[in-house]
């Protein structure tokens, strides 16, 4: 059996406010293979976004480890985590992943410059595939909600990632845009990308091969 492209073992994360400690993650583990789509569900405050941050190397777990394509991501300097992220991970967060002062095309091109050795589609071709090729020269502030969601997905896919991590990618779009985004996620999973999606959407969860539920920082 092939080794998982994403492996997280016994992740713990706590936050301290004064004398109080809140555990956001309590021993969570996860393995995802190439071509697999996993949906993570759960109520607000259950630790879903914290988990995604740790899987992306944007936050360090207080315990446990994350490996991407066999390479340890956690408990390394940020510069090294950034290198691994640029080579292997695409990230799409609900708050957006676009730089406001760059056009949509330049946002995609910037990500591709960070991992020049990766084989990937040209920026314009990628934007055409997500359905906003005609808006390539627009700034993020000039996009509609649906256009911004598709542009964000193009940026997340720009480096042809081994792992795509998405936080509520369809949270602010209409049903038609949600369907298109789901089609794109299926397409990239079929091409071998491991996809982990945090979602409250029944449609997104229904499209996943596996659904996991977090509650109070643990798998329910």
N, C-alpha and C. Protein backbone atom coordinates (compact mmCIF):
# COMPACT_ATOMS: atom_id res chain seq x y z
N UNK A 1 0.85 -1.21 0.00
CA UNK A 1 0.00 0.00 0.00
C UNK A 1 0.88 1.24 0.00
N UNK A 2 0.56 2.22 -0.89
CA UNK A 2 1.37 3.42 -1.00
C UNK A 2 1.31 4.24 0.28
N UNK A 3 2.43 4.88 0.60
CA UNK A 3 2.49 5.74 1.78
C UNK A 3 1.59 6.95 1.58
N UNK A 4 0.94 7.44 2.63
CA UNK A 4 0.08 8.63 2.49
C UNK A 4 0.91 9.85 2.13
N UNK A 5 0.35 10.73 1.31
CA UNK A 5 1.07 11.95 0.97
C UNK A 5 0.97 12.97 2.10
N UNK A 6 -0.08 12.87 2.92
CA UNK A 6 -0.26 13.72 4.10
C UNK A 6 -0.45 12.83 5.31
N UNK A 7 0.36 13.04 6.32
CA UNK A 7 0.26 12.25 7.54
C UNK A 7 0.41 13.17 8.75
N UNK A 8 -0.58 13.14 9.63
CA UNK A 8 -0.53 13.92 10.88
C UNK A 8 -0.74 12.95 12.03
N UNK A 9 0.12 13.03 13.03
CA UNK A 9 0.04 12.09 14.14
C UNK A 9 -0.04 12.83 15.47
N UNK A 10 -1.07 12.51 16.24
CA UNK A 10 -1.22 12.98 17.63
C UNK A 10 -1.01 14.48 17.76
N UNK A 11 -1.76 15.26 17.01
CA UNK A 11 -1.61 16.71 17.05
C UNK A 11 -2.32 17.30 18.27
N UNK A 12 -1.57 18.11 19.00
CA UNK A 12 -2.11 18.87 20.13
C UNK A 12 -1.83 20.35 19.88
N UNK A 13 -2.80 21.18 20.20
CA UNK A 13 -2.61 22.63 20.11
C UNK A 13 -3.44 23.28 21.19
N UNK A 14 -2.78 24.11 22.02
CA UNK A 14 -3.53 24.83 23.04
C UNK A 14 -3.18 26.30 23.00
N UNK A 15 -4.10 27.11 23.48
CA UNK A 15 -3.93 28.55 23.52
C UNK A 15 -4.12 29.00 24.96
N UNK A 16 -3.29 29.92 25.39
CA UNK A 16 -3.33 30.40 26.77
C UNK A 16 -3.80 31.84 26.81
N UNK A 17 -4.75 32.14 27.67
CA UNK A 17 -5.22 33.50 27.91
C UNK A 17 -5.21 33.72 29.41
N UNK A 18 -4.19 34.45 29.89
CA UNK A 18 -4.03 34.61 31.32
C UNK A 18 -3.68 33.27 31.96
N UNK A 19 -4.49 32.85 32.92
CA UNK A 19 -4.25 31.57 33.58
C UNK A 19 -5.05 30.42 32.97
N UNK A 20 -5.82 30.73 31.95
CA UNK A 20 -6.67 29.71 31.34
C UNK A 20 -6.01 29.14 30.08
N UNK A 21 -6.14 27.83 29.89
CA UNK A 21 -5.66 27.16 28.70
C UNK A 21 -6.84 26.49 27.98
N UNK A 22 -6.89 26.70 26.68
CA UNK A 22 -7.93 26.09 25.87
C UNK A 22 -7.27 25.16 24.86
N UNK A 23 -7.69 23.91 24.85
CA UNK A 23 -7.15 22.95 23.89
C UNK A 23 -7.97 23.00 22.60
N UNK A 24 -7.31 23.40 21.51
CA UNK A 24 -7.98 23.43 20.21
C UNK A 24 -7.90 22.07 19.52
N UNK A 25 -6.80 21.35 19.75
CA UNK A 25 -6.64 20.00 19.21
C UNK A 25 -6.14 19.10 20.33
N UNK A 26 -6.70 17.90 20.39
CA UNK A 26 -6.35 16.97 21.47
C UNK A 26 -6.04 15.58 20.90
N UNK A 27 -4.83 15.43 20.37
CA UNK A 27 -4.38 14.13 19.90
C UNK A 27 -4.96 13.70 18.57
N UNK A 28 -5.20 14.64 17.66
CA UNK A 28 -5.82 14.35 16.38
C UNK A 28 -4.80 13.76 15.40
N UNK A 29 -5.18 12.70 14.72
CA UNK A 29 -4.35 12.10 13.67
C UNK A 29 -5.12 11.99 12.36
N UNK A 30 -4.38 11.97 11.26
CA UNK A 30 -5.03 11.95 9.94
C UNK A 30 -4.03 11.48 8.91
N UNK A 31 -4.46 10.61 8.00
CA UNK A 31 -3.66 10.20 6.85
C UNK A 31 -4.51 10.32 5.60
N UNK A 32 -3.92 10.91 4.54
CA UNK A 32 -4.64 11.10 3.29
C UNK A 32 -3.74 10.66 2.15
N UNK A 33 -4.27 9.81 1.29
CA UNK A 33 -3.51 9.32 0.15
C UNK A 33 -3.70 10.16 -1.09
N UNK A 34 -2.87 9.95 -2.08
CA UNK A 34 -3.00 10.66 -3.35
C UNK A 34 -4.35 10.32 -4.00
N UNK A 35 -5.02 11.36 -4.48
CA UNK A 35 -6.30 11.17 -5.14
C UNK A 35 -7.48 11.06 -4.20
N UNK A 36 -7.23 11.17 -2.90
CA UNK A 36 -8.31 11.05 -1.91
C UNK A 36 -8.82 12.43 -1.52
N UNK A 37 -10.14 12.53 -1.33
CA UNK A 37 -10.75 13.76 -0.84
C UNK A 37 -11.38 13.49 0.51
N UNK A 38 -10.96 14.27 1.51
CA UNK A 38 -11.46 14.13 2.87
C UNK A 38 -12.13 15.43 3.28
N UNK A 39 -13.37 15.35 3.76
CA UNK A 39 -14.07 16.51 4.30
C UNK A 39 -14.02 16.46 5.82
N UNK A 40 -13.66 17.58 6.43
CA UNK A 40 -13.65 17.71 7.89
C UNK A 40 -14.80 18.61 8.28
N UNK A 41 -15.71 18.08 9.08
CA UNK A 41 -16.89 18.83 9.50
C UNK A 41 -16.88 18.99 11.03
N UNK A 42 -17.83 19.76 11.53
CA UNK A 42 -17.93 19.97 12.97
C UNK A 42 -18.43 21.36 13.27
N UNK A 43 -18.90 21.59 14.48
CA UNK A 43 -19.42 22.91 14.85
C UNK A 43 -18.32 23.96 14.90
N UNK A 44 -18.71 25.21 14.87
CA UNK A 44 -17.76 26.30 15.01
C UNK A 44 -17.03 26.17 16.34
N UNK A 45 -15.72 26.40 16.31
CA UNK A 45 -14.92 26.30 17.53
C UNK A 45 -14.45 24.90 17.84
N UNK A 46 -14.68 23.96 16.93
CA UNK A 46 -14.29 22.57 17.21
C UNK A 46 -12.82 22.28 16.90
N UNK A 47 -12.14 23.23 16.25
CA UNK A 47 -10.71 23.04 15.96
C UNK A 47 -10.40 22.81 14.49
N UNK A 48 -11.38 22.97 13.61
CA UNK A 48 -11.19 22.66 12.19
C UNK A 48 -10.12 23.55 11.55
N UNK A 49 -10.24 24.87 11.73
CA UNK A 49 -9.28 25.77 11.12
C UNK A 49 -7.90 25.63 11.75
N UNK A 50 -7.85 25.39 13.05
CA UNK A 50 -6.56 25.15 13.71
C UNK A 50 -5.88 23.92 13.11
N UNK A 51 -6.67 22.88 12.87
CA UNK A 51 -6.12 21.67 12.24
C UNK A 51 -5.55 22.00 10.88
N UNK A 52 -6.29 22.74 10.05
CA UNK A 52 -5.81 23.08 8.72
C UNK A 52 -4.53 23.92 8.78
N UNK A 53 -4.48 24.86 9.73
CA UNK A 53 -3.27 25.67 9.90
C UNK A 53 -2.06 24.81 10.22
N UNK A 54 -2.24 23.81 11.07
CA UNK A 54 -1.14 22.91 11.43
C UNK A 54 -0.75 22.04 10.24
N UNK A 55 -1.74 21.55 9.49
CA UNK A 55 -1.44 20.72 8.32
C UNK A 55 -0.69 21.50 7.26
N UNK A 56 -0.94 22.81 7.17
CA UNK A 56 -0.28 23.66 6.18
C UNK A 56 1.06 24.18 6.66
N UNK A 57 1.40 23.96 7.92
CA UNK A 57 2.63 24.51 8.46
C UNK A 57 2.56 25.99 8.73
N UNK A 58 1.35 26.56 8.74
CA UNK A 58 1.18 27.96 9.08
C UNK A 58 1.12 28.17 10.58
N UNK A 59 0.88 27.10 11.31
CA UNK A 59 0.88 27.11 12.77
C UNK A 59 1.59 25.85 13.23
N UNK A 60 2.29 25.95 14.35
CA UNK A 60 3.02 24.81 14.88
C UNK A 60 2.20 24.10 15.95
N UNK A 61 2.02 22.80 15.84
CA UNK A 61 1.35 22.07 16.92
C UNK A 61 2.22 22.05 18.17
N UNK A 62 1.58 22.03 19.33
CA UNK A 62 2.33 21.92 20.58
C UNK A 62 2.80 20.49 20.82
N UNK A 63 2.19 19.55 20.15
CA UNK A 63 2.62 18.16 20.20
C UNK A 63 2.21 17.46 18.93
N UNK A 64 2.94 16.42 18.55
CA UNK A 64 2.63 15.69 17.34
C UNK A 64 3.39 16.22 16.14
N UNK A 65 3.26 15.53 15.01
CA UNK A 65 4.01 15.89 13.80
C UNK A 65 3.12 15.80 12.56
N UNK A 66 3.50 16.58 11.57
CA UNK A 66 2.87 16.55 10.25
C UNK A 66 3.95 16.24 9.22
N UNK A 67 3.67 15.32 8.33
CA UNK A 67 4.58 15.00 7.22
C UNK A 67 3.85 15.18 5.90
N UNK A 68 4.55 15.77 4.94
CA UNK A 68 4.02 15.98 3.60
C UNK A 68 4.96 15.29 2.62
N UNK A 69 4.43 14.35 1.84
CA UNK A 69 5.24 13.60 0.86
C UNK A 69 6.47 13.01 1.53
N UNK A 70 6.30 12.53 2.75
CA UNK A 70 7.38 11.88 3.48
C UNK A 70 8.32 12.82 4.19
N UNK A 71 8.15 14.12 4.04
CA UNK A 71 9.06 15.11 4.64
C UNK A 71 8.39 15.75 5.85
N UNK A 72 9.10 15.81 6.96
CA UNK A 72 8.54 16.40 8.18
C UNK A 72 8.35 17.90 7.98
N UNK A 73 7.12 18.36 8.23
CA UNK A 73 6.79 19.77 8.09
C UNK A 73 6.84 20.50 9.43
N UNK A 74 6.36 19.87 10.48
CA UNK A 74 6.24 20.54 11.78
C UNK A 74 7.57 20.57 12.52
N UNK A 75 7.65 21.52 13.46
CA UNK A 75 8.81 21.69 14.33
C UNK A 75 10.08 21.96 13.53
N UNK A 76 9.93 22.84 12.55
CA UNK A 76 11.06 23.31 11.75
C UNK A 76 10.95 24.83 11.67
N UNK A 77 12.05 25.51 11.34
CA UNK A 77 11.97 26.97 11.18
C UNK A 77 10.98 27.33 10.08
N UNK A 78 10.38 28.50 10.21
CA UNK A 78 9.37 28.94 9.25
C UNK A 78 9.92 28.96 7.82
N UNK A 79 11.18 29.32 7.65
CA UNK A 79 11.75 29.35 6.30
C UNK A 79 11.69 27.97 5.66
N UNK A 80 12.01 26.94 6.43
CA UNK A 80 11.96 25.58 5.90
C UNK A 80 10.53 25.12 5.66
N UNK A 81 9.62 25.48 6.57
CA UNK A 81 8.21 25.14 6.36
C UNK A 81 7.68 25.82 5.10
N UNK A 82 8.09 27.08 4.89
CA UNK A 82 7.66 27.80 3.70
C UNK A 82 8.15 27.15 2.42
N UNK A 83 9.37 26.62 2.45
CA UNK A 83 9.91 25.93 1.27
C UNK A 83 9.10 24.68 0.96
N UNK A 84 8.79 23.91 1.99
CA UNK A 84 8.01 22.69 1.80
C UNK A 84 6.60 23.03 1.32
N UNK A 85 6.02 24.08 1.90
CA UNK A 85 4.67 24.50 1.52
C UNK A 85 4.64 24.92 0.04
N UNK A 86 5.63 25.68 -0.39
CA UNK A 86 5.67 26.14 -1.78
C UNK A 86 5.79 24.98 -2.76
N UNK A 87 6.48 23.93 -2.36
CA UNK A 87 6.71 22.79 -3.24
C UNK A 87 5.54 21.81 -3.27
N UNK A 88 4.83 21.67 -2.15
CA UNK A 88 3.91 20.55 -2.04
C UNK A 88 2.47 20.90 -1.70
N UNK A 89 2.19 22.11 -1.17
CA UNK A 89 0.87 22.39 -0.59
C UNK A 89 0.21 23.58 -1.26
N UNK A 90 -1.08 23.45 -1.56
CA UNK A 90 -1.90 24.57 -1.96
C UNK A 90 -2.88 24.87 -0.85
N UNK A 91 -3.05 26.15 -0.52
CA UNK A 91 -3.88 26.54 0.62
C UNK A 91 -4.93 27.54 0.17
N UNK A 92 -6.18 27.26 0.52
CA UNK A 92 -7.28 28.18 0.25
C UNK A 92 -8.07 28.37 1.52
N UNK A 93 -7.98 29.57 2.11
CA UNK A 93 -8.71 29.87 3.32
C UNK A 93 -9.88 30.78 3.01
N UNK A 94 -10.89 30.70 3.87
CA UNK A 94 -12.12 31.46 3.64
C UNK A 94 -11.85 32.96 3.61
N UNK A 95 -10.85 33.41 4.36
CA UNK A 95 -10.52 34.84 4.39
C UNK A 95 -9.82 35.29 3.12
N UNK A 96 -9.45 34.33 2.26
CA UNK A 96 -8.83 34.68 0.99
C UNK A 96 -7.33 34.47 0.98
N UNK A 97 -6.78 34.28 -0.21
CA UNK A 97 -5.35 34.08 -0.35
C UNK A 97 -4.79 34.92 -1.49
N UNK A 98 -5.47 36.05 -1.77
CA UNK A 98 -5.05 36.93 -2.85
C UNK A 98 -4.42 38.20 -2.29
N UNK A 99 -3.36 38.65 -2.93
CA UNK A 99 -2.73 39.92 -2.57
C UNK A 99 -3.45 41.05 -3.30
N UNK A 100 -3.94 42.03 -2.53
CA UNK A 100 -4.82 43.05 -3.09
C UNK A 100 -4.17 43.91 -4.16
N UNK A 101 -2.85 44.10 -4.11
CA UNK A 101 -2.19 45.02 -5.03
C UNK A 101 -1.75 44.35 -6.33
N UNK A 102 -1.98 43.03 -6.45
CA UNK A 102 -1.61 42.30 -7.66
C UNK A 102 -2.86 41.87 -8.42
N UNK A 103 -2.74 41.82 -9.74
CA UNK A 103 -3.84 41.30 -10.54
C UNK A 103 -4.02 39.82 -10.26
N UNK A 104 -5.15 39.27 -10.69
CA UNK A 104 -5.40 37.85 -10.49
C UNK A 104 -4.30 37.02 -11.16
N UNK A 105 -3.94 37.37 -12.39
CA UNK A 105 -2.89 36.64 -13.10
C UNK A 105 -1.57 36.71 -12.34
N UNK A 106 -1.22 37.88 -11.82
CA UNK A 106 0.05 38.04 -11.11
C UNK A 106 0.03 37.31 -9.77
N UNK A 107 -1.13 37.18 -9.14
CA UNK A 107 -1.22 36.38 -7.92
C UNK A 107 -0.86 34.93 -8.21
N UNK A 108 -1.38 34.39 -9.31
CA UNK A 108 -1.06 33.02 -9.69
C UNK A 108 0.42 32.89 -10.04
N UNK A 109 0.93 33.83 -10.83
CA UNK A 109 2.32 33.77 -11.27
C UNK A 109 3.29 33.86 -10.09
N UNK A 110 2.93 34.64 -9.07
CA UNK A 110 3.80 34.78 -7.90
C UNK A 110 3.97 33.44 -7.20
N UNK A 111 2.88 32.72 -7.01
CA UNK A 111 2.97 31.41 -6.37
C UNK A 111 3.84 30.47 -7.20
N UNK A 112 3.70 30.53 -8.50
CA UNK A 112 4.48 29.64 -9.37
C UNK A 112 5.97 29.97 -9.32
N UNK A 113 6.30 31.22 -9.12
CA UNK A 113 7.71 31.61 -9.01
C UNK A 113 8.37 31.05 -7.76
N UNK A 114 7.56 30.77 -6.73
CA UNK A 114 8.11 30.24 -5.48
C UNK A 114 8.50 28.77 -5.60
N UNK A 115 7.98 28.09 -6.59
CA UNK A 115 8.31 26.68 -6.81
C UNK A 115 8.57 26.47 -8.30
N UNK A 116 9.67 27.03 -8.82
CA UNK A 116 9.90 27.02 -10.27
C UNK A 116 10.12 25.65 -10.87
N UNK A 117 10.48 24.67 -10.05
CA UNK A 117 10.77 23.35 -10.61
C UNK A 117 9.52 22.51 -10.81
N UNK A 118 8.38 22.95 -10.30
CA UNK A 118 7.15 22.17 -10.43
C UNK A 118 6.60 22.26 -11.85
N UNK A 119 6.04 21.17 -12.34
CA UNK A 119 5.38 21.14 -13.63
C UNK A 119 3.93 21.56 -13.41
N UNK A 120 3.50 22.63 -14.08
CA UNK A 120 2.15 23.13 -13.83
C UNK A 120 1.63 23.87 -15.06
N UNK A 121 0.35 24.15 -15.06
CA UNK A 121 -0.27 24.85 -16.18
C UNK A 121 0.11 26.33 -16.13
N UNK A 122 0.23 26.99 -17.28
CA UNK A 122 0.45 28.44 -17.29
C UNK A 122 -0.66 29.17 -16.55
N UNK A 123 -0.35 30.34 -16.01
CA UNK A 123 -1.32 31.08 -15.20
C UNK A 123 -2.62 31.32 -15.96
N UNK A 124 -2.54 31.77 -17.21
CA UNK A 124 -3.76 32.07 -17.96
C UNK A 124 -4.59 30.82 -18.19
N UNK A 125 -3.94 29.70 -18.48
CA UNK A 125 -4.66 28.45 -18.69
C UNK A 125 -5.39 28.02 -17.42
N UNK A 126 -4.72 28.17 -16.28
CA UNK A 126 -5.34 27.80 -15.01
C UNK A 126 -6.56 28.67 -14.73
N UNK A 127 -6.46 29.96 -15.02
CA UNK A 127 -7.59 30.87 -14.81
C UNK A 127 -8.74 30.54 -15.76
N UNK A 128 -8.40 30.15 -16.98
CA UNK A 128 -9.44 29.73 -17.92
C UNK A 128 -10.19 28.51 -17.38
N UNK A 129 -9.45 27.59 -16.78
CA UNK A 129 -10.06 26.35 -16.29
C UNK A 129 -11.00 26.60 -15.12
N UNK A 130 -10.70 27.62 -14.30
CA UNK A 130 -11.61 27.92 -13.19
C UNK A 130 -12.72 28.88 -13.60
N UNK A 131 -12.68 29.31 -14.88
CA UNK A 131 -13.79 30.09 -15.41
C UNK A 131 -13.68 31.58 -15.26
N UNK A 132 -12.48 32.10 -14.98
CA UNK A 132 -12.34 33.56 -14.87
C UNK A 132 -11.16 34.06 -15.71
N UNK A 133 -10.90 33.39 -16.83
CA UNK A 133 -9.80 33.82 -17.70
C UNK A 133 -9.96 35.26 -18.16
N UNK A 134 -11.21 35.68 -18.35
CA UNK A 134 -11.46 37.04 -18.80
C UNK A 134 -11.23 38.10 -17.73
N UNK A 135 -11.01 37.67 -16.49
CA UNK A 135 -10.78 38.61 -15.38
C UNK A 135 -9.33 38.55 -14.89
N UNK A 136 -8.45 38.00 -15.72
CA UNK A 136 -7.05 37.80 -15.30
C UNK A 136 -6.36 39.10 -14.92
N UNK A 137 -6.71 40.20 -15.57
CA UNK A 137 -6.06 41.47 -15.29
C UNK A 137 -6.70 42.27 -14.17
N UNK A 138 -7.78 41.76 -13.58
CA UNK A 138 -8.49 42.49 -12.53
C UNK A 138 -7.78 42.37 -11.19
N UNK A 139 -7.95 43.38 -10.36
CA UNK A 139 -7.46 43.32 -8.98
C UNK A 139 -8.49 42.58 -8.13
N UNK A 140 -8.07 41.95 -7.02
CA UNK A 140 -9.02 41.21 -6.18
C UNK A 140 -10.23 42.03 -5.75
N UNK A 141 -10.03 43.32 -5.46
CA UNK A 141 -11.13 44.15 -5.03
C UNK A 141 -12.18 44.40 -6.09
N UNK A 142 -11.86 44.07 -7.35
CA UNK A 142 -12.79 44.27 -8.45
C UNK A 142 -13.60 43.01 -8.78
N UNK A 143 -13.36 41.94 -8.03
CA UNK A 143 -14.03 40.66 -8.30
C UNK A 143 -15.30 40.51 -7.48
N UNK A 144 -16.26 39.78 -8.03
CA UNK A 144 -17.43 39.40 -7.25
C UNK A 144 -17.05 38.29 -6.29
N UNK A 145 -17.96 37.92 -5.39
CA UNK A 145 -17.66 36.85 -4.43
C UNK A 145 -17.33 35.54 -5.11
N UNK A 146 -18.12 35.18 -6.13
CA UNK A 146 -17.86 33.94 -6.85
C UNK A 146 -16.56 33.98 -7.62
N UNK A 147 -16.25 35.11 -8.23
CA UNK A 147 -14.99 35.25 -8.96
C UNK A 147 -13.80 35.15 -8.01
N UNK A 148 -13.93 35.78 -6.84
CA UNK A 148 -12.84 35.73 -5.86
C UNK A 148 -12.59 34.31 -5.38
N UNK A 149 -13.67 33.54 -5.19
CA UNK A 149 -13.52 32.15 -4.76
C UNK A 149 -12.79 31.34 -5.81
N UNK A 150 -13.12 31.55 -7.09
CA UNK A 150 -12.46 30.81 -8.16
C UNK A 150 -11.02 31.27 -8.33
N UNK A 151 -10.77 32.57 -8.17
CA UNK A 151 -9.39 33.05 -8.24
C UNK A 151 -8.55 32.48 -7.11
N UNK A 152 -9.15 32.41 -5.91
CA UNK A 152 -8.43 31.83 -4.77
C UNK A 152 -8.08 30.38 -5.01
N UNK A 153 -9.00 29.63 -5.63
CA UNK A 153 -8.72 28.24 -5.94
C UNK A 153 -7.61 28.13 -6.97
N UNK A 154 -7.60 29.01 -7.96
CA UNK A 154 -6.52 29.00 -8.96
C UNK A 154 -5.17 29.24 -8.30
N UNK A 155 -5.11 30.17 -7.34
CA UNK A 155 -3.87 30.42 -6.62
C UNK A 155 -3.45 29.20 -5.82
N UNK A 156 -4.42 28.54 -5.17
CA UNK A 156 -4.11 27.36 -4.37
C UNK A 156 -3.59 26.21 -5.23
N UNK A 157 -4.02 26.17 -6.49
CA UNK A 157 -3.60 25.10 -7.39
C UNK A 157 -2.42 25.49 -8.27
N UNK A 158 -1.92 26.70 -8.11
CA UNK A 158 -0.92 27.24 -9.03
C UNK A 158 0.37 26.44 -9.06
N UNK A 159 0.78 25.86 -7.94
CA UNK A 159 2.04 25.12 -7.91
C UNK A 159 1.84 23.62 -8.10
N UNK A 160 0.69 23.24 -8.69
CA UNK A 160 0.38 21.81 -8.90
C UNK A 160 0.66 21.02 -7.62
N UNK A 161 -0.04 21.35 -6.51
CA UNK A 161 0.32 20.79 -5.21
C UNK A 161 0.03 19.31 -5.07
N UNK A 162 0.81 18.66 -4.23
CA UNK A 162 0.51 17.28 -3.84
C UNK A 162 -0.69 17.24 -2.90
N UNK A 163 -0.83 18.30 -2.11
CA UNK A 163 -1.90 18.39 -1.11
C UNK A 163 -2.61 19.73 -1.25
N UNK A 164 -3.93 19.71 -1.33
CA UNK A 164 -4.73 20.93 -1.34
C UNK A 164 -5.52 20.99 -0.05
N UNK A 165 -5.37 22.09 0.69
CA UNK A 165 -6.08 22.31 1.95
C UNK A 165 -7.01 23.50 1.76
N UNK A 166 -8.30 23.30 1.99
CA UNK A 166 -9.28 24.36 1.74
C UNK A 166 -10.21 24.51 2.92
N UNK A 167 -10.40 25.75 3.36
CA UNK A 167 -11.27 26.07 4.49
C UNK A 167 -12.52 26.75 3.97
N UNK A 168 -13.65 26.06 3.99
CA UNK A 168 -14.93 26.60 3.53
C UNK A 168 -14.81 27.24 2.14
N UNK A 169 -14.31 26.51 1.14
CA UNK A 169 -14.08 27.12 -0.17
C UNK A 169 -15.35 27.56 -0.87
N UNK A 170 -16.51 27.05 -0.45
CA UNK A 170 -17.77 27.43 -1.10
C UNK A 170 -18.68 28.18 -0.14
N UNK A 171 -18.12 28.71 0.94
CA UNK A 171 -18.93 29.30 1.99
C UNK A 171 -19.69 30.54 1.59
N UNK A 172 -19.19 31.29 0.58
CA UNK A 172 -19.82 32.56 0.23
C UNK A 172 -20.17 32.63 -1.25
N UNK A 173 -20.47 31.48 -1.85
CA UNK A 173 -20.79 31.48 -3.28
C UNK A 173 -22.17 30.87 -3.51
N UNK A 174 -22.71 31.11 -4.70
CA UNK A 174 -24.02 30.56 -5.02
C UNK A 174 -23.89 29.10 -5.41
N UNK A 175 -25.05 28.45 -5.62
CA UNK A 175 -25.07 27.01 -5.87
C UNK A 175 -24.32 26.64 -7.16
N UNK A 176 -24.44 27.47 -8.19
CA UNK A 176 -23.78 27.17 -9.46
C UNK A 176 -22.26 27.26 -9.32
N UNK A 177 -21.78 28.29 -8.61
CA UNK A 177 -20.33 28.42 -8.40
C UNK A 177 -19.82 27.29 -7.51
N UNK A 178 -20.62 26.89 -6.52
CA UNK A 178 -20.24 25.76 -5.68
C UNK A 178 -20.08 24.50 -6.52
N UNK A 179 -20.99 24.27 -7.44
CA UNK A 179 -20.90 23.10 -8.30
C UNK A 179 -19.62 23.12 -9.14
N UNK A 180 -19.28 24.29 -9.68
CA UNK A 180 -18.08 24.40 -10.50
C UNK A 180 -16.82 24.16 -9.68
N UNK A 181 -16.81 24.71 -8.47
CA UNK A 181 -15.65 24.50 -7.60
C UNK A 181 -15.51 23.03 -7.22
N UNK A 182 -16.62 22.38 -6.96
CA UNK A 182 -16.57 20.95 -6.63
C UNK A 182 -16.06 20.14 -7.82
N UNK A 183 -16.47 20.50 -9.02
CA UNK A 183 -15.97 19.82 -10.21
C UNK A 183 -14.46 19.96 -10.32
N UNK A 184 -13.94 21.13 -10.00
CA UNK A 184 -12.49 21.36 -10.06
C UNK A 184 -11.76 20.54 -9.00
N UNK A 185 -12.33 20.48 -7.80
CA UNK A 185 -11.71 19.67 -6.75
C UNK A 185 -11.68 18.20 -7.15
N UNK A 186 -12.77 17.71 -7.73
CA UNK A 186 -12.81 16.32 -8.19
C UNK A 186 -11.76 16.08 -9.28
N UNK A 187 -11.64 17.04 -10.17
CA UNK A 187 -10.69 16.91 -11.28
C UNK A 187 -9.26 16.77 -10.76
N UNK A 188 -8.91 17.60 -9.79
CA UNK A 188 -7.53 17.55 -9.28
C UNK A 188 -7.31 16.34 -8.39
N UNK A 189 -8.33 15.91 -7.67
CA UNK A 189 -8.19 14.67 -6.91
C UNK A 189 -7.98 13.49 -7.87
N UNK A 190 -8.71 13.49 -8.98
CA UNK A 190 -8.56 12.42 -9.97
C UNK A 190 -7.15 12.42 -10.55
N UNK A 191 -6.51 13.58 -10.57
CA UNK A 191 -5.14 13.68 -11.08
C UNK A 191 -4.08 13.33 -10.04
N UNK A 192 -4.51 12.97 -8.82
CA UNK A 192 -3.56 12.52 -7.81
C UNK A 192 -3.35 13.46 -6.64
N UNK A 193 -4.01 14.61 -6.64
CA UNK A 193 -3.89 15.54 -5.51
C UNK A 193 -4.67 15.02 -4.31
N UNK A 194 -4.08 15.09 -3.13
CA UNK A 194 -4.79 14.79 -1.89
C UNK A 194 -5.51 16.05 -1.44
N UNK A 195 -6.81 15.96 -1.21
CA UNK A 195 -7.63 17.14 -0.91
C UNK A 195 -8.23 16.99 0.49
N UNK A 196 -8.03 18.02 1.33
CA UNK A 196 -8.67 18.08 2.64
C UNK A 196 -9.48 19.38 2.69
N UNK A 197 -10.78 19.25 2.90
CA UNK A 197 -11.68 20.41 2.87
C UNK A 197 -12.42 20.51 4.20
N UNK A 198 -12.30 21.65 4.85
CA UNK A 198 -13.12 21.96 6.02
C UNK A 198 -14.40 22.60 5.52
N UNK A 199 -15.55 22.10 5.93
CA UNK A 199 -16.78 22.60 5.35
C UNK A 199 -17.98 22.40 6.27
N UNK A 200 -18.97 23.28 6.08
CA UNK A 200 -20.30 23.08 6.65
C UNK A 200 -21.29 22.69 5.57
N UNK A 201 -20.83 22.63 4.31
CA UNK A 201 -21.71 22.38 3.18
C UNK A 201 -21.99 20.89 3.02
N UNK A 202 -23.26 20.53 2.95
CA UNK A 202 -23.62 19.14 2.71
C UNK A 202 -23.17 18.68 1.33
N UNK A 203 -23.22 19.59 0.35
CA UNK A 203 -22.81 19.22 -1.00
C UNK A 203 -21.33 18.89 -1.05
N UNK A 204 -20.50 19.70 -0.37
CA UNK A 204 -19.06 19.44 -0.35
C UNK A 204 -18.77 18.14 0.39
N UNK A 205 -19.39 17.96 1.55
CA UNK A 205 -19.17 16.73 2.31
C UNK A 205 -19.64 15.51 1.51
N UNK A 206 -20.75 15.66 0.78
CA UNK A 206 -21.26 14.56 0.00
C UNK A 206 -20.36 14.18 -1.16
N UNK A 207 -19.53 15.12 -1.62
CA UNK A 207 -18.63 14.85 -2.74
C UNK A 207 -17.32 14.22 -2.29
N UNK A 208 -17.07 14.20 -0.99
CA UNK A 208 -15.81 13.66 -0.46
C UNK A 208 -15.86 12.14 -0.37
N UNK A 209 -14.70 11.54 -0.47
CA UNK A 209 -14.63 10.09 -0.32
C UNK A 209 -14.71 9.65 1.13
N UNK A 210 -14.37 10.59 2.04
CA UNK A 210 -14.37 10.27 3.47
C UNK A 210 -14.75 11.54 4.23
N UNK A 211 -15.58 11.41 5.24
CA UNK A 211 -16.01 12.55 6.05
C UNK A 211 -15.61 12.29 7.50
N UNK A 212 -14.88 13.23 8.10
CA UNK A 212 -14.46 13.16 9.50
C UNK A 212 -15.09 14.33 10.25
N UNK A 213 -15.46 14.10 11.50
CA UNK A 213 -16.11 15.14 12.29
C UNK A 213 -15.29 15.46 13.53
N UNK A 214 -14.99 16.75 13.69
CA UNK A 214 -14.29 17.23 14.88
C UNK A 214 -15.28 17.78 15.89
N UNK A 215 -15.00 17.52 17.16
CA UNK A 215 -15.79 18.12 18.23
C UNK A 215 -14.87 18.31 19.42
N UNK A 216 -14.74 19.56 19.89
CA UNK A 216 -13.88 19.89 21.02
C UNK A 216 -12.46 19.40 20.82
N UNK A 217 -11.97 19.54 19.59
CA UNK A 217 -10.58 19.20 19.31
C UNK A 217 -10.27 17.73 19.17
N UNK A 218 -11.32 16.88 19.13
CA UNK A 218 -11.14 15.44 18.97
C UNK A 218 -12.03 14.95 17.83
N UNK A 219 -11.67 13.81 17.25
CA UNK A 219 -12.56 13.19 16.30
C UNK A 219 -13.79 12.65 17.03
N UNK A 220 -14.94 13.00 16.51
CA UNK A 220 -16.19 12.57 17.15
C UNK A 220 -16.55 11.16 16.69
